Amino acid sequence: MKLRILIEQDEDGMFIAECPSLPGCISEGKSRKDALENIKDAISGYLESLKKHKEAIPPSIIEEVVEIYA
C-alpha cells in the first residue's frame, strides 16, 4: 500500500509528518528520517485500529501538480 505523506519543519525545528488520507494520522521526529519512520508506525497503528473496529480504509487522495507562471 502506498500513501502520500507530507513533512514540514515547525518553528522549533521538529519535522511533522502527516498522512492526509488518514485523518488525524500525524507524527513527528527530530529529523526528516525520524519523522518518516514515526509516521510509518503511526499509519500501521491507524490501519490496525480500523481493522479492529471493522472500519473501511479511506480511499487514497489523488494528487496533481500544476505549474503557475507569475
N, C-alpha and C. Protein backbone atom coordinates (compact mmCIF):
# COMPACT_ATOMS: atom_id res chain seq x y z
N MET A 1 0.84 -1.17 0.00
CA MET A 1 0.00 0.00 0.00
C MET A 1 0.89 1.24 0.00
N LYS A 2 0.57 2.19 -0.86
CA LYS A 2 1.32 3.44 -0.92
C LYS A 2 0.41 4.58 -0.50
N LEU A 3 0.92 5.43 0.37
CA LEU A 3 0.16 6.57 0.87
C LEU A 3 1.01 7.83 0.75
N ARG A 4 0.36 8.94 0.47
CA ARG A 4 1.05 10.23 0.38
C ARG A 4 1.32 10.76 1.79
N ILE A 5 2.52 11.26 2.00
CA ILE A 5 2.94 11.81 3.28
C ILE A 5 3.42 13.24 3.07
N LEU A 6 3.02 14.13 3.95
CA LEU A 6 3.52 15.50 3.93
C LEU A 6 4.45 15.67 5.13
N ILE A 7 5.61 16.27 4.90
CA ILE A 7 6.55 16.52 6.00
C ILE A 7 6.93 18.00 5.97
N GLU A 8 6.75 18.66 7.10
CA GLU A 8 7.10 20.07 7.24
C GLU A 8 7.92 20.25 8.51
N GLN A 9 8.80 21.23 8.48
CA GLN A 9 9.57 21.55 9.68
C GLN A 9 8.87 22.69 10.42
N ASP A 10 8.67 22.52 11.73
CA ASP A 10 7.98 23.55 12.51
C ASP A 10 8.97 24.59 13.02
N GLU A 11 8.46 25.59 13.73
CA GLU A 11 9.30 26.70 14.21
C GLU A 11 10.33 26.27 15.25
N ASP A 12 10.13 25.11 15.86
CA ASP A 12 11.08 24.59 16.84
C ASP A 12 12.12 23.66 16.22
N GLY A 13 12.04 23.46 14.91
CA GLY A 13 12.99 22.60 14.22
C GLY A 13 12.57 21.14 14.13
N MET A 14 11.41 20.80 14.70
CA MET A 14 10.92 19.43 14.62
C MET A 14 10.28 19.21 13.24
N PHE A 15 10.34 17.98 12.77
CA PHE A 15 9.72 17.63 11.49
C PHE A 15 8.39 16.95 11.78
N ILE A 16 7.32 17.50 11.21
CA ILE A 16 5.97 17.00 11.41
C ILE A 16 5.55 16.25 10.15
N ALA A 17 5.13 15.00 10.31
CA ALA A 17 4.69 14.18 9.19
C ALA A 17 3.20 13.91 9.34
N GLU A 18 2.50 14.01 8.22
CA GLU A 18 1.05 13.82 8.21
C GLU A 18 0.65 12.98 7.00
N CYS A 19 -0.33 12.12 7.20
CA CYS A 19 -0.88 11.32 6.11
C CYS A 19 -2.29 11.84 5.84
N PRO A 20 -2.47 12.71 4.82
CA PRO A 20 -3.78 13.31 4.57
C PRO A 20 -4.90 12.30 4.31
N SER A 21 -4.59 11.13 3.80
CA SER A 21 -5.61 10.11 3.53
C SER A 21 -6.20 9.53 4.81
N LEU A 22 -5.46 9.65 5.91
CA LEU A 22 -5.90 9.10 7.19
C LEU A 22 -6.05 10.24 8.18
N PRO A 23 -7.24 10.82 8.28
CA PRO A 23 -7.45 12.00 9.14
C PRO A 23 -6.93 11.80 10.57
N GLY A 24 -6.12 12.76 11.00
CA GLY A 24 -5.58 12.72 12.35
C GLY A 24 -4.32 11.88 12.50
N CYS A 25 -3.85 11.28 11.42
CA CYS A 25 -2.63 10.45 11.48
C CYS A 25 -1.42 11.37 11.27
N ILE A 26 -0.84 11.77 12.40
CA ILE A 26 0.27 12.74 12.42
C ILE A 26 1.35 12.22 13.36
N SER A 27 2.60 12.48 13.01
CA SER A 27 3.71 12.11 13.88
C SER A 27 4.80 13.16 13.72
N GLU A 28 5.89 12.99 14.43
CA GLU A 28 6.99 13.95 14.34
C GLU A 28 8.32 13.27 14.60
N GLY A 29 9.39 14.00 14.35
CA GLY A 29 10.73 13.49 14.61
C GLY A 29 11.73 14.63 14.59
N LYS A 30 12.90 14.38 15.12
CA LYS A 30 13.95 15.40 15.15
C LYS A 30 14.57 15.62 13.77
N SER A 31 14.41 14.64 12.87
CA SER A 31 14.91 14.75 11.50
C SER A 31 13.82 14.25 10.55
N ARG A 32 14.00 14.52 9.26
CA ARG A 32 13.03 14.03 8.27
C ARG A 32 12.97 12.51 8.32
N LYS A 33 14.14 11.89 8.47
CA LYS A 33 14.20 10.42 8.53
C LYS A 33 13.41 9.91 9.74
N ASP A 34 13.61 10.53 10.90
CA ASP A 34 12.87 10.12 12.10
C ASP A 34 11.37 10.30 11.92
N ALA A 35 10.98 11.45 11.35
CA ALA A 35 9.55 11.72 11.13
C ALA A 35 8.95 10.69 10.18
N LEU A 36 9.69 10.30 9.15
CA LEU A 36 9.20 9.31 8.20
C LEU A 36 9.03 7.95 8.87
N GLU A 37 9.99 7.54 9.68
CA GLU A 37 9.87 6.27 10.39
C GLU A 37 8.71 6.30 11.38
N ASN A 38 8.54 7.42 12.06
CA ASN A 38 7.47 7.55 13.05
C ASN A 38 6.10 7.55 12.39
N ILE A 39 5.97 8.19 11.22
CA ILE A 39 4.65 8.20 10.56
C ILE A 39 4.32 6.81 10.03
N LYS A 40 5.32 6.04 9.64
CA LYS A 40 5.07 4.65 9.22
C LYS A 40 4.47 3.85 10.38
N ASP A 41 5.02 4.04 11.57
CA ASP A 41 4.47 3.37 12.76
C ASP A 41 3.05 3.85 13.05
N ALA A 42 2.84 5.17 12.93
CA ALA A 42 1.52 5.73 13.18
C ALA A 42 0.49 5.20 12.18
N ILE A 43 0.89 5.09 10.92
CA ILE A 43 0.00 4.55 9.88
C ILE A 43 -0.34 3.10 10.19
N SER A 44 0.64 2.32 10.56
CA SER A 44 0.39 0.91 10.90
C SER A 44 -0.62 0.79 12.03
N GLY A 45 -0.44 1.60 13.07
CA GLY A 45 -1.37 1.60 14.20
C GLY A 45 -2.77 2.05 13.78
N TYR A 46 -2.84 3.06 12.94
CA TYR A 46 -4.11 3.59 12.45
C TYR A 46 -4.86 2.50 11.68
N LEU A 47 -4.15 1.83 10.75
CA LEU A 47 -4.78 0.79 9.94
C LEU A 47 -5.20 -0.40 10.80
N GLU A 48 -4.40 -0.72 11.80
CA GLU A 48 -4.74 -1.82 12.71
C GLU A 48 -6.01 -1.48 13.49
N SER A 49 -6.14 -0.23 13.90
CA SER A 49 -7.34 0.20 14.62
C SER A 49 -8.58 0.12 13.72
N LEU A 50 -8.43 0.56 12.46
CA LEU A 50 -9.55 0.45 11.52
C LEU A 50 -9.98 -1.01 11.38
N LYS A 51 -9.00 -1.87 11.23
CA LYS A 51 -9.28 -3.30 11.07
C LYS A 51 -9.99 -3.86 12.31
N LYS A 52 -9.49 -3.50 13.48
CA LYS A 52 -10.06 -3.97 14.74
C LYS A 52 -11.51 -3.55 14.89
N HIS A 53 -11.82 -2.33 14.45
CA HIS A 53 -13.17 -1.80 14.57
C HIS A 53 -14.03 -2.06 13.32
N LYS A 54 -13.48 -2.86 12.41
CA LYS A 54 -14.18 -3.24 11.16
C LYS A 54 -14.62 -2.01 10.37
N GLU A 55 -13.73 -1.04 10.29
CA GLU A 55 -13.98 0.18 9.52
C GLU A 55 -13.18 0.12 8.23
N ALA A 56 -13.70 0.73 7.18
CA ALA A 56 -13.03 0.73 5.88
C ALA A 56 -11.84 1.69 5.88
N ILE A 57 -10.84 1.35 5.09
CA ILE A 57 -9.70 2.22 4.89
C ILE A 57 -10.14 3.34 3.94
N PRO A 58 -9.92 4.60 4.31
CA PRO A 58 -10.32 5.70 3.42
C PRO A 58 -9.61 5.60 2.07
N PRO A 59 -10.27 6.03 0.99
CA PRO A 59 -9.62 5.98 -0.32
C PRO A 59 -8.43 6.92 -0.40
N SER A 60 -7.49 6.57 -1.26
CA SER A 60 -6.30 7.41 -1.44
C SER A 60 -6.68 8.75 -2.05
N ILE A 61 -5.88 9.74 -1.77
CA ILE A 61 -6.05 11.07 -2.35
C ILE A 61 -5.27 11.10 -3.66
N ILE A 62 -5.91 11.57 -4.70
CA ILE A 62 -5.22 11.70 -5.99
C ILE A 62 -4.56 13.07 -6.03
N GLU A 63 -3.30 13.08 -6.37
CA GLU A 63 -2.53 14.31 -6.35
C GLU A 63 -2.14 14.72 -7.76
N GLU A 64 -2.23 16.00 -8.02
CA GLU A 64 -1.78 16.58 -9.28
C GLU A 64 -0.83 17.72 -8.96
N VAL A 65 0.06 18.00 -9.86
CA VAL A 65 0.98 19.13 -9.73
C VAL A 65 0.66 20.10 -10.86
N VAL A 66 0.49 21.36 -10.52
CA VAL A 66 0.23 22.37 -11.52
C VAL A 66 1.37 23.38 -11.51
N GLU A 67 1.63 23.95 -12.65
CA GLU A 67 2.68 24.96 -12.76
C GLU A 67 2.01 26.31 -13.00
N ILE A 68 2.38 27.29 -12.22
CA ILE A 68 1.82 28.62 -12.31
C ILE A 68 2.94 29.59 -12.68
N TYR A 69 2.69 30.42 -13.66
CA TYR A 69 3.66 31.43 -14.05
C TYR A 69 3.21 32.76 -13.47
N ALA A 70 4.07 33.35 -12.67
CA ALA A 70 3.71 34.64 -12.06
C ALA A 70 4.52 35.76 -12.64
